[in-house]
Amino acid sequence: MARRPLPRILSSGSASITRSREIARTAADSATDVLHPLITVVRGLRLLAVSGRQKWVATPKERRGPKLLLGAACVLVVALVPYGPILTLVTVMGAAAWKGRE
């Protein structure tokens, strides 16, 4: 079978299409560079959530109650400490960034 020629619109304006593709690639690369820290933190949060879920499932059912009580007590203490929630947020984001790196 013989190849069909390109449509006229693609063959006549190839310079503008090439330029448009280059602009699109540049924009995508710039967006990836800007959003890379956010992507890393989100990936790390997902991995931390998966790890926590696996540990929770691996915990025997009779130990889940005391573990939940200990976690609730820690949340209460952190909420009452000055700058506690902010420090916790910074710590979790740091752990997520560390876990999410490639």
PDB file of N, CA and C in Angstrom:
ATOM      1  N   MET A   1       0.826  -1.182   0.000  1.00  0.00           N
ATOM      2  CA  MET A   1       0.000   0.000   0.000  1.00  0.00           C
ATOM      3  C   MET A   1       0.868   1.241   0.000  1.00  0.00           C
ATOM      4  N   ALA A   2       0.459   2.174  -0.790  1.00  0.00           N
ATOM      5  CA  ALA A   2       1.189   3.436  -0.853  1.00  0.00           C
ATOM      6  C   ALA A   2       0.758   4.332   0.303  1.00  0.00           C
ATOM      7  N   ARG A   3       1.687   5.125   0.754  1.00  0.00           N
ATOM      8  CA  ARG A   3       1.374   6.065   1.829  1.00  0.00           C
ATOM      9  C   ARG A   3       0.531   7.202   1.288  1.00  0.00           C
ATOM     10  N   ARG A   4      -0.431   7.577   2.078  1.00  0.00           N
ATOM     11  CA  ARG A   4      -1.237   8.729   1.692  1.00  0.00           C
ATOM     12  C   ARG A   4      -0.506   9.995   2.101  1.00  0.00           C
ATOM     13  N   PRO A   5      -0.584  11.041   1.321  1.00  0.00           N
ATOM     14  CA  PRO A   5       0.079  12.293   1.711  1.00  0.00           C
ATOM     15  C   PRO A   5      -0.623  12.911   2.918  1.00  0.00           C
ATOM     16  N   LEU A   6       0.137  13.698   3.653  1.00  0.00           N
ATOM     17  CA  LEU A   6      -0.433  14.381   4.805  1.00  0.00           C
ATOM     18  C   LEU A   6      -1.501  15.364   4.356  1.00  0.00           C
ATOM     19  N   PRO A   7      -2.465  15.604   5.186  1.00  0.00           N
ATOM     20  CA  PRO A   7      -3.458  16.621   4.824  1.00  0.00           C
ATOM     21  C   PRO A   7      -2.779  17.964   4.600  1.00  0.00           C
ATOM     22  N   ARG A   8      -3.392  18.767   3.813  1.00  0.00           N
ATOM     23  CA  ARG A   8      -2.814  20.045   3.415  1.00  0.00           C
ATOM     24  C   ARG A   8      -2.540  20.935   4.621  1.00  0.00           C
ATOM     25  N   ILE A   9      -3.398  20.896   5.605  1.00  0.00           N
ATOM     26  CA  ILE A   9      -3.229  21.769   6.765  1.00  0.00           C
ATOM     27  C   ILE A   9      -1.956  21.405   7.543  1.00  0.00           C
ATOM     28  N   LEU A  10      -1.604  20.118   7.555  1.00  0.00           N
ATOM     29  CA  LEU A  10      -0.409  19.706   8.287  1.00  0.00           C
ATOM     30  C   LEU A  10       0.868  19.953   7.500  1.00  0.00           C
ATOM     31  N   SER A  11       0.803  19.855   6.194  1.00  0.00           N
ATOM     32  CA  SER A  11       2.023  20.024   5.410  1.00  0.00           C
ATOM     33  C   SER A  11       2.351  21.487   5.141  1.00  0.00           C
ATOM     34  N   SER A  12       1.350  22.356   5.123  1.00  0.00           N
ATOM     35  CA  SER A  12       1.629  23.748   4.782  1.00  0.00           C
ATOM     36  C   SER A  12       2.124  24.545   5.980  1.00  0.00           C
ATOM     37  N   GLY A  13       1.656  24.263   7.166  1.00  0.00           N
ATOM     38  CA  GLY A  13       2.024  25.069   8.328  1.00  0.00           C
ATOM     39  C   GLY A  13       2.895  24.316   9.307  1.00  0.00           C
ATOM     40  N   SER A  14       3.853  23.568   8.810  1.00  0.00           N
ATOM     41  CA  SER A  14       4.658  22.724   9.698  1.00  0.00           C
ATOM     42  C   SER A  14       5.516  23.548  10.652  1.00  0.00           C
ATOM     43  N   ALA A  15       5.921  24.725  10.243  1.00  0.00           N
ATOM     44  CA  ALA A  15       6.745  25.558  11.122  1.00  0.00           C
ATOM     45  C   ALA A  15       5.942  26.022  12.333  1.00  0.00           C
ATOM     46  N   SER A  16       4.693  26.413  12.103  1.00  0.00           N
ATOM     47  CA  SER A  16       3.880  26.879  13.233  1.00  0.00           C
ATOM     48  C   SER A  16       3.495  25.720  14.144  1.00  0.00           C
ATOM     49  N   ILE A  17       3.258  24.544  13.577  1.00  0.00           N
ATOM     50  CA  ILE A  17       2.937  23.378  14.402  1.00  0.00           C
ATOM     51  C   ILE A  17       4.146  22.976  15.232  1.00  0.00           C
ATOM     52  N   THR A  18       5.313  22.989  14.626  1.00  0.00           N
ATOM     53  CA  THR A  18       6.536  22.665  15.364  1.00  0.00           C
ATOM     54  C   THR A  18       6.764  23.666  16.482  1.00  0.00           C
ATOM     55  N   ARG A  19       6.552  24.927  16.205  1.00  0.00           N
ATOM     56  CA  ARG A  19       6.723  25.967  17.214  1.00  0.00           C
ATOM     57  C   ARG A  19       5.699  25.785  18.343  1.00  0.00           C
ATOM     58  N   SER A  20       4.471  25.448  17.990  1.00  0.00           N
ATOM     59  CA  SER A  20       3.430  25.231  18.997  1.00  0.00           C
ATOM     60  C   SER A  20       3.759  24.032  19.875  1.00  0.00           C
ATOM     61  N   ARG A  21       4.261  22.972  19.260  1.00  0.00           N
ATOM     62  CA  ARG A  21       4.643  21.792  20.045  1.00  0.00           C
ATOM     63  C   ARG A  21       5.785  22.119  20.997  1.00  0.00           C
ATOM     64  N   GLU A  22       6.733  22.892  20.536  1.00  0.00           N
ATOM     65  CA  GLU A  22       7.865  23.279  21.385  1.00  0.00           C
ATOM     66  C   GLU A  22       7.393  24.132  22.560  1.00  0.00           C
ATOM     67  N   ILE A  23       6.474  25.042  22.305  1.00  0.00           N
ATOM     68  CA  ILE A  23       5.922  25.869  23.388  1.00  0.00           C
ATOM     69  C   ILE A  23       5.177  24.995  24.393  1.00  0.00           C
ATOM     70  N   ALA A  24       4.412  24.032  23.893  1.00  0.00           N
ATOM     71  CA  ALA A  24       3.676  23.131  24.787  1.00  0.00           C
ATOM     72  C   ALA A  24       4.634  22.298  25.628  1.00  0.00           C
ATOM     73  N   ARG A  25       5.710  21.800  25.021  1.00  0.00           N
ATOM     74  CA  ARG A  25       6.695  21.018  25.778  1.00  0.00           C
ATOM     75  C   ARG A  25       7.378  21.870  26.839  1.00  0.00           C
ATOM     76  N   THR A  26       7.720  23.097  26.486  1.00  0.00           N
ATOM     77  CA  THR A  26       8.357  24.004  27.439  1.00  0.00           C
ATOM     78  C   THR A  26       7.424  24.298  28.604  1.00  0.00           C
ATOM     79  N   ALA A  27       6.154  24.529  28.315  1.00  0.00           N
ATOM     80  CA  ALA A  27       5.178  24.797  29.378  1.00  0.00           C
ATOM     81  C   ALA A  27       5.015  23.582  30.282  1.00  0.00           C
ATOM     82  N   ALA A  28       4.981  22.392  29.703  1.00  0.00           N
ATOM     83  CA  ALA A  28       4.846  21.178  30.508  1.00  0.00           C
ATOM     84  C   ALA A  28       6.076  20.964  31.382  1.00  0.00           C
ATOM     85  N   ASP A  29       7.255  21.204  30.839  1.00  0.00           N
ATOM     86  CA  ASP A  29       8.480  21.069  31.632  1.00  0.00           C
ATOM     87  C   ASP A  29       8.513  22.075  32.771  1.00  0.00           C
ATOM     88  N   SER A  30       8.091  23.302  32.506  1.00  0.00           N
ATOM     89  CA  SER A  30       8.074  24.328  33.551  1.00  0.00           C
ATOM     90  C   SER A  30       7.078  23.973  34.643  1.00  0.00           C
ATOM     91  N   ALA A  31       5.913  23.477  34.251  1.00  0.00           N
ATOM     92  CA  ALA A  31       4.906  23.086  35.241  1.00  0.00           C
ATOM     93  C   ALA A  31       5.408  21.925  36.090  1.00  0.00           C
ATOM     94  N   THR A  32       6.094  20.984  35.474  1.00  0.00           N
ATOM     95  CA  THR A  32       6.645  19.862  36.225  1.00  0.00           C
ATOM     96  C   THR A  32       7.700  20.343  37.206  1.00  0.00           C
ATOM     97  N   ASP A  33       8.547  21.280  36.790  1.00  0.00           N
ATOM     98  CA  ASP A  33       9.571  21.812  37.689  1.00  0.00           C
ATOM     99  C   ASP A  33       8.952  22.536  38.875  1.00  0.00           C
ATOM    100  N   VAL A  34       7.903  23.301  38.627  1.00  0.00           N
ATOM    101  CA  VAL A  34       7.269  24.067  39.698  1.00  0.00           C
ATOM    102  C   VAL A  34       6.516  23.145  40.651  1.00  0.00           C
ATOM    103  N   LEU A  35       5.835  22.145  40.120  1.00  0.00           N
ATOM    104  CA  LEU A  35       4.994  21.281  40.947  1.00  0.00           C
ATOM    105  C   LEU A  35       5.722  20.073  41.519  1.00  0.00           C
ATOM    106  N   HIS A  36       6.994  19.902  41.230  1.00  0.00           N
ATOM    107  CA  HIS A  36       7.709  18.713  41.691  1.00  0.00           C
ATOM    108  C   HIS A  36       7.721  18.568  43.213  1.00  0.00           C
ATOM    109  N   PRO A  37       7.954  19.629  44.001  1.00  0.00           N
ATOM    110  CA  PRO A  37       7.882  19.452  45.460  1.00  0.00           C
ATOM    111  C   PRO A  37       6.499  19.002  45.930  1.00  0.00           C
ATOM    112  N   LEU A  38       5.457  19.542  45.337  1.00  0.00           N
ATOM    113  CA  LEU A  38       4.102  19.137  45.711  1.00  0.00           C
ATOM    114  C   LEU A  38       3.851  17.680  45.339  1.00  0.00           C
ATOM    115  N   ILE A  39       4.315  17.271  44.181  1.00  0.00           N
ATOM    116  CA  ILE A  39       4.165  15.884  43.747  1.00  0.00           C
ATOM    117  C   ILE A  39       4.897  14.953  44.702  1.00  0.00           C
ATOM    118  N   THR A  40       6.092  15.349  45.135  1.00  0.00           N
ATOM    119  CA  THR A  40       6.874  14.533  46.062  1.00  0.00           C
ATOM    120  C   THR A  40       6.162  14.387  47.397  1.00  0.00           C
ATOM    121  N   VAL A  41       5.623  15.480  47.929  1.00  0.00           N
ATOM    122  CA  VAL A  41       4.938  15.423  49.223  1.00  0.00           C
ATOM    123  C   VAL A  41       3.664  14.590  49.121  1.00  0.00           C
ATOM    124  N   VAL A  42       2.918  14.740  48.052  1.00  0.00           N
ATOM    125  CA  VAL A  42       1.687  13.957  47.885  1.00  0.00           C
ATOM    126  C   VAL A  42       2.011  12.476  47.757  1.00  0.00           C
ATOM    127  N   ARG A  43       3.052  12.145  47.017  1.00  0.00           N
ATOM    128  CA  ARG A  43       3.469  10.745  46.895  1.00  0.00           C
ATOM    129  C   ARG A  43       3.867  10.188  48.259  1.00  0.00           C
ATOM    130  N   GLY A  44       4.598  10.993  49.046  1.00  0.00           N
ATOM    131  CA  GLY A  44       5.005  10.563  50.378  1.00  0.00           C
ATOM    132  C   GLY A  44       3.826  10.387  51.317  1.00  0.00           C
ATOM    133  N   LEU A  45       2.843  11.293  51.254  1.00  0.00           N
ATOM    134  CA  LEU A  45       1.644  11.144  52.086  1.00  0.00           C
ATOM    135  C   LEU A  45       0.894   9.864  51.736  1.00  0.00           C
ATOM    136  N   ARG A  46       0.834   9.560  50.451  1.00  0.00           N
ATOM    137  CA  ARG A  46       0.174   8.318  50.039  1.00  0.00           C
ATOM    138  C   ARG A  46       0.913   7.102  50.579  1.00  0.00           C
ATOM    139  N   LEU A  47       2.238   7.127  50.490  1.00  0.00           N
ATOM    140  CA  LEU A  47       3.024   6.001  50.993  1.00  0.00           C
ATOM    141  C   LEU A  47       2.916   5.876  52.509  1.00  0.00           C
ATOM    142  N   LEU A  48       2.891   7.005  53.215  1.00  0.00           N
ATOM    143  CA  LEU A  48       2.718   6.963  54.668  1.00  0.00           C
ATOM    144  C   LEU A  48       1.345   6.412  55.040  1.00  0.00           C
ATOM    145  N   ALA A  49       0.315   6.797  54.297  1.00  0.00           N
ATOM    146  CA  ALA A  49      -1.030   6.286  54.566  1.00  0.00           C
ATOM    147  C   ALA A  49      -1.106   4.783  54.315  1.00  0.00           C
ATOM    148  N   VAL A  50      -0.477   4.324  53.254  1.00  0.00           N
ATOM    149  CA  VAL A  50      -0.463   2.886  52.960  1.00  0.00           C
ATOM    150  C   VAL A  50       0.282   2.133  54.051  1.00  0.00           C
ATOM    151  N   SER A  51       1.404   2.680  54.490  1.00  0.00           N
ATOM    152  CA  SER A  51       2.186   2.043  55.550  1.00  0.00           C
ATOM    153  C   SER A  51       1.393   1.980  56.855  1.00  0.00           C
ATOM    154  N   GLY A  52       0.713   3.080  57.202  1.00  0.00           N
ATOM    155  CA  GLY A  52      -0.108   3.091  58.413  1.00  0.00           C
ATOM    156  C   GLY A  52      -1.250   2.102  58.335  1.00  0.00           C
ATOM    157  N   ARG A  53      -1.868   2.008  57.173  1.00  0.00           N
ATOM    158  CA  ARG A  53      -2.967   1.055  56.991  1.00  0.00           C
ATOM    159  C   ARG A  53      -2.473  -0.383  57.129  1.00  0.00           C
ATOM    160  N   GLN A  54      -1.303  -0.684  56.577  1.00  0.00           N
ATOM    161  CA  GLN A  54      -0.755  -2.035  56.694  1.00  0.00           C
ATOM    162  C   GLN A  54      -0.440  -2.378  58.143  1.00  0.00           C
ATOM    163  N   LYS A  55       0.102  -1.410  58.890  1.00  0.00           N
ATOM    164  CA  LYS A  55       0.401  -1.667  60.300  1.00  0.00           C
ATOM    165  C   LYS A  55      -0.882  -1.856  61.100  1.00  0.00           C
ATOM    166  N   TRP A  56      -1.920  -1.090  60.764  1.00  0.00           N
ATOM    167  CA  TRP A  56      -3.186  -1.221  61.472  1.00  0.00           C
ATOM    168  C   TRP A  56      -3.804  -2.593  61.212  1.00  0.00           C
ATOM    169  N   VAL A  57      -3.764  -3.062  59.972  1.00  0.00           N
ATOM    170  CA  VAL A  57      -4.316  -4.372  59.632  1.00  0.00           C
ATOM    171  C   VAL A  57      -3.495  -5.481  60.285  1.00  0.00           C
ATOM    172  N   ALA A  58      -2.183  -5.278  60.402  1.00  0.00           N
ATOM    173  CA  ALA A  58      -1.319  -6.300  61.001  1.00  0.00           C
ATOM    174  C   ALA A  58      -1.468  -6.367  62.520  1.00  0.00           C
ATOM    175  N   THR A  59      -2.032  -5.334  63.138  1.00  0.00           N
ATOM    176  CA  THR A  59      -2.206  -5.317  64.587  1.00  0.00           C
ATOM    177  C   THR A  59      -3.351  -6.256  64.964  1.00  0.00           C
ATOM    178  N   PRO A  60      -3.146  -7.110  65.968  1.00  0.00           N
ATOM    179  CA  PRO A  60      -4.249  -7.973  66.417  1.00  0.00           C
ATOM    180  C   PRO A  60      -5.430  -7.129  66.910  1.00  0.00           C
ATOM    181  N   LYS A  61      -6.640  -7.658  66.743  1.00  0.00           N
ATOM    182  CA  LYS A  61      -7.842  -6.879  67.055  1.00  0.00           C
ATOM    183  C   LYS A  61      -7.925  -6.500  68.526  1.00  0.00           C
ATOM    184  N   GLU A  62      -7.406  -7.326  69.423  1.00  0.00           N
ATOM    185  CA  GLU A  62      -7.492  -6.994  70.852  1.00  0.00           C
ATOM    186  C   GLU A  62      -6.526  -5.877  71.246  1.00  0.00           C
ATOM    187  N   ARG A  63      -5.572  -5.548  70.386  1.00  0.00           N
ATOM    188  CA  ARG A  63      -4.632  -4.457  70.683  1.00  0.00           C
ATOM    189  C   ARG A  63      -4.997  -3.150  69.981  1.00  0.00           C
ATOM    190  N   ARG A  64      -6.007  -3.165  69.149  1.00  0.00           N
ATOM    191  CA  ARG A  64      -6.370  -1.958  68.409  1.00  0.00           C
ATOM    192  C   ARG A  64      -6.988  -0.900  69.311  1.00  0.00           C
ATOM    193  N   GLY A  65      -7.774  -1.312  70.296  1.00  0.00           N
ATOM    194  CA  GLY A  65      -8.398  -0.359  71.219  1.00  0.00           C
ATOM    195  C   GLY A  65      -7.371   0.447  71.996  1.00  0.00           C
ATOM    196  N   PRO A  66      -6.427  -0.221  72.691  1.00  0.00           N
ATOM    197  CA  PRO A  66      -5.398   0.542  73.401  1.00  0.00           C
ATOM    198  C   PRO A  66      -4.540   1.408  72.475  1.00  0.00           C
ATOM    199  N   LYS A  67      -4.265   0.916  71.281  1.00  0.00           N
ATOM    200  CA  LYS A  67      -3.472   1.706  70.332  1.00  0.00           C
ATOM    201  C   LYS A  67      -4.241   2.953  69.895  1.00  0.00           C
ATOM    202  N   LEU A  68      -5.535   2.809  69.698  1.00  0.00           N
ATOM    203  CA  LEU A  68      -6.374   3.950  69.333  1.00  0.00           C
ATOM    204  C   LEU A  68      -6.451   4.956  70.477  1.00  0.00           C
ATOM    205  N   LEU A  69      -6.548   4.467  71.714  1.00  0.00           N
ATOM    206  CA  LEU A  69      -6.573   5.348  72.882  1.00  0.00           C
ATOM    207  C   LEU A  69      -5.257   6.114  73.005  1.00  0.00           C
ATOM    208  N   LEU A  70      -4.147   5.448  72.803  1.00  0.00           N
ATOM    209  CA  LEU A  70      -2.840   6.109  72.852  1.00  0.00           C
ATOM    210  C   LEU A  70      -2.725   7.174  71.755  1.00  0.00           C
ATOM    211  N   GLY A  71      -3.194   6.859  70.572  1.00  0.00           N
ATOM    212  CA  GLY A  71      -3.170   7.834  69.484  1.00  0.00           C
ATOM    213  C   GLY A  71      -4.043   9.048  69.782  1.00  0.00           C
ATOM    214  N   ALA A  72      -5.226   8.821  70.356  1.00  0.00           N
ATOM    215  CA  ALA A  72      -6.115   9.934  70.713  1.00  0.00           C
ATOM    216  C   ALA A  72      -5.493  10.796  71.803  1.00  0.00           C
ATOM    217  N   ALA A  73      -4.821  10.169  72.773  1.00  0.00           N
ATOM    218  CA  ALA A  73      -4.146  10.928  73.831  1.00  0.00           C
ATOM    219  C   ALA A  73      -3.021  11.781  73.243  1.00  0.00           C
ATOM    220  N   CYS A  74      -2.285  11.231  72.299  1.00  0.00           N
ATOM    221  CA  CYS A  74      -1.210  12.000  71.653  1.00  0.00           C
ATOM    222  C   CYS A  74      -1.777  13.188  70.874  1.00  0.00           C
ATOM    223  N   VAL A  75      -2.884  12.981  70.190  1.00  0.00           N
ATOM    224  CA  VAL A  75      -3.516  14.080  69.452  1.00  0.00           C
ATOM    225  C   VAL A  75      -3.976  15.166  70.415  1.00  0.00           C
ATOM    226  N   LEU A  76      -4.531  14.781  71.562  1.00  0.00           N
ATOM    227  CA  LEU A  76      -4.974  15.755  72.562  1.00  0.00           C
ATOM    228  C   LEU A  76      -3.799  16.549  73.111  1.00  0.00           C
ATOM    229  N   VAL A  77      -2.705  15.875  73.419  1.00  0.00           N
ATOM    230  CA  VAL A  77      -1.519  16.564  73.943  1.00  0.00           C
ATOM    231  C   VAL A  77      -0.964  17.529  72.896  1.00  0.00           C
ATOM    232  N   VAL A  78      -0.881  17.089  71.674  1.00  0.00           N
ATOM    233  CA  VAL A  78      -0.358  17.952  70.606  1.00  0.00           C
ATOM    234  C   VAL A  78      -1.260  19.166  70.412  1.00  0.00           C
ATOM    235  N   ALA A  79      -2.569  18.974  70.531  1.00  0.00           N
ATOM    236  CA  ALA A  79      -3.502  20.090  70.355  1.00  0.00           C
ATOM    237  C   ALA A  79      -3.368  21.116  71.475  1.00  0.00           C
ATOM    238  N   LEU A  80      -2.982  20.679  72.675  1.00  0.00           N
ATOM    239  CA  LEU A  80      -2.893  21.587  73.813  1.00  0.00           C
ATOM    240  C   LEU A  80      -1.541  22.280  73.926  1.00  0.00           C
ATOM    241  N   VAL A  81      -0.512  21.730  73.324  1.00  0.00           N
ATOM    242  CA  VAL A  81       0.820  22.324  73.396  1.00  0.00           C
ATOM    243  C   VAL A  81       0.862  23.546  72.471  1.00  0.00           C
ATOM    244  N   PRO A  82       1.485  24.645  72.939  1.00  0.00           N
ATOM    245  CA  PRO A  82       1.605  25.801  72.041  1.00  0.00           C
ATOM    246  C   PRO A  82       2.407  25.429  70.786  1.00  0.00           C
ATOM    247  N   TYR A  83       1.927  25.850  69.649  1.00  0.00           N
ATOM    248  CA  TYR A  83       2.528  25.560  68.340  1.00  0.00           C
ATOM    249  C   TYR A  83       2.551  24.063  68.026  1.00  0.00           C
ATOM    250  N   GLY A  84       1.815  23.274  68.768  1.00  0.00           N
ATOM    251  CA  GLY A  84       1.802  21.827  68.550  1.00  0.00           C
ATOM    252  C   GLY A  84       1.268  21.418  67.190  1.00  0.00           C
ATOM    253  N   PRO A  85       0.089  21.919  66.794  1.00  0.00           N
ATOM    254  CA  PRO A  85      -0.432  21.510  65.479  1.00  0.00           C
ATOM    255  C   PRO A  85       0.465  21.937  64.317  1.00  0.00           C
ATOM    256  N   ILE A  86       1.058  23.115  64.424  1.00  0.00           N
ATOM    257  CA  ILE A  86       1.939  23.582  63.344  1.00  0.00           C
ATOM    258  C   ILE A  86       3.196  22.721  63.277  1.00  0.00           C
ATOM    259  N   LEU A  87       3.773  22.423  64.439  1.00  0.00           N
ATOM    260  CA  LEU A  87       4.962  21.563  64.456  1.00  0.00           C
ATOM    261  C   LEU A  87       4.639  20.164  63.944  1.00  0.00           C
ATOM    262  N   THR A  88       3.465  19.667  64.288  1.00  0.00           N
ATOM    263  CA  THR A  88       3.057  18.352  63.797  1.00  0.00           C
ATOM    264  C   THR A  88       2.896  18.371  62.280  1.00  0.00           C
ATOM    265  N   LEU A  89       2.284  19.425  61.765  1.00  0.00           N
ATOM    266  CA  LEU A  89       2.112  19.553  60.320  1.00  0.00           C
ATOM    267  C   LEU A  89       3.460  19.612  59.605  1.00  0.00           C
ATOM    268  N   VAL A  90       4.385  20.383  60.144  1.00  0.00           N
ATOM    269  CA  VAL A  90       5.722  20.482  59.543  1.00  0.00           C
ATOM    270  C   VAL A  90       6.429  19.130  59.596  1.00  0.00           C
ATOM    271  N   THR A  91       6.291  18.432  60.717  1.00  0.00           N
ATOM    272  CA  THR A  91       6.930  17.121  60.860  1.00  0.00           C
ATOM    273  C   THR A  91       6.352  16.109  59.875  1.00  0.00           C
ATOM    274  N   VAL A  92       5.036  16.084  59.748  1.00  0.00           N
ATOM    275  CA  VAL A  92       4.401  15.139  58.821  1.00  0.00           C
ATOM    276  C   VAL A  92       4.783  15.464  57.376  1.00  0.00           C
ATOM    277  N   MET A  93       4.826  16.746  57.028  1.00  0.00           N
ATOM    278  CA  MET A  93       5.221  17.122  55.667  1.00  0.00           C
ATOM    279  C   MET A  93       6.681  16.752  55.400  1.00  0.00           C
ATOM    280  N   GLY A  94       7.539  16.922  56.403  1.00  0.00           N
ATOM    281  CA  GLY A  94       8.939  16.520  56.245  1.00  0.00           C
ATOM    282  C   GLY A  94       9.077  15.022  56.055  1.00  0.00           C
ATOM    283  N   ALA A  95       8.325  14.258  56.859  1.00  0.00           N
ATOM    284  CA  ALA A  95       8.358  12.800  56.715  1.00  0.00           C
ATOM    285  C   ALA A  95       7.809  12.377  55.354  1.00  0.00           C
ATOM    286  N   ALA A  96       6.757  13.049  54.904  1.00  0.00           N
ATOM    287  CA  ALA A  96       6.184  12.719  53.597  1.00  0.00           C
ATOM    288  C   ALA A  96       7.155  13.057  52.469  1.00  0.00           C
ATOM    289  N   ALA A  97       7.841  14.184  52.593  1.00  0.00           N
ATOM    290  CA  ALA A  97       8.821  14.546  51.564  1.00  0.00           C
ATOM    291  C   ALA A  97       9.966  13.541  51.534  1.00  0.00           C
ATOM    292  N   TRP A  98      10.384  13.088  52.702  1.00  0.00           N
ATOM    293  CA  TRP A  98      11.472  12.107  52.760  1.00  0.00           C
ATOM    294  C   TRP A  98      11.020  10.768  52.183  1.00  0.00           C
ATOM    295  N   LYS A  99       9.804  10.361  52.528  1.00  0.00           N
ATOM    296  CA  LYS A  99       9.286   9.077  52.056  1.00  0.00           C
ATOM    297  C   LYS A  99       8.956   9.131  50.559  1.00  0.00           C
ATOM    298  N   GLY A 100       8.565  10.303  50.054  1.00  0.00           N
ATOM    299  CA  GLY A 100       8.145  10.420  48.664  1.00  0.00           C
ATOM    300  C   GLY A 100       9.258  10.635  47.669  1.00  0.00           C
ATOM    301  N   ARG A 101      10.478  10.835  48.146  1.00  0.00           N
ATOM    302  CA  ARG A 101      11.570  11.064  47.199  1.00  0.00           C
ATOM    303  C   ARG A 101      11.854   9.786  46.431  1.00  0.00           C
ATOM    304  N   GLU A 102      12.376   9.949  45.232  1.00  0.00           N
ATOM    305  CA  GLU A 102      12.605   8.778  44.373  1.00  0.00           C
ATOM    306  C   GLU A 102      13.985   8.223  44.550  1.00  0.00           C
TER     307      GLU A 102
END
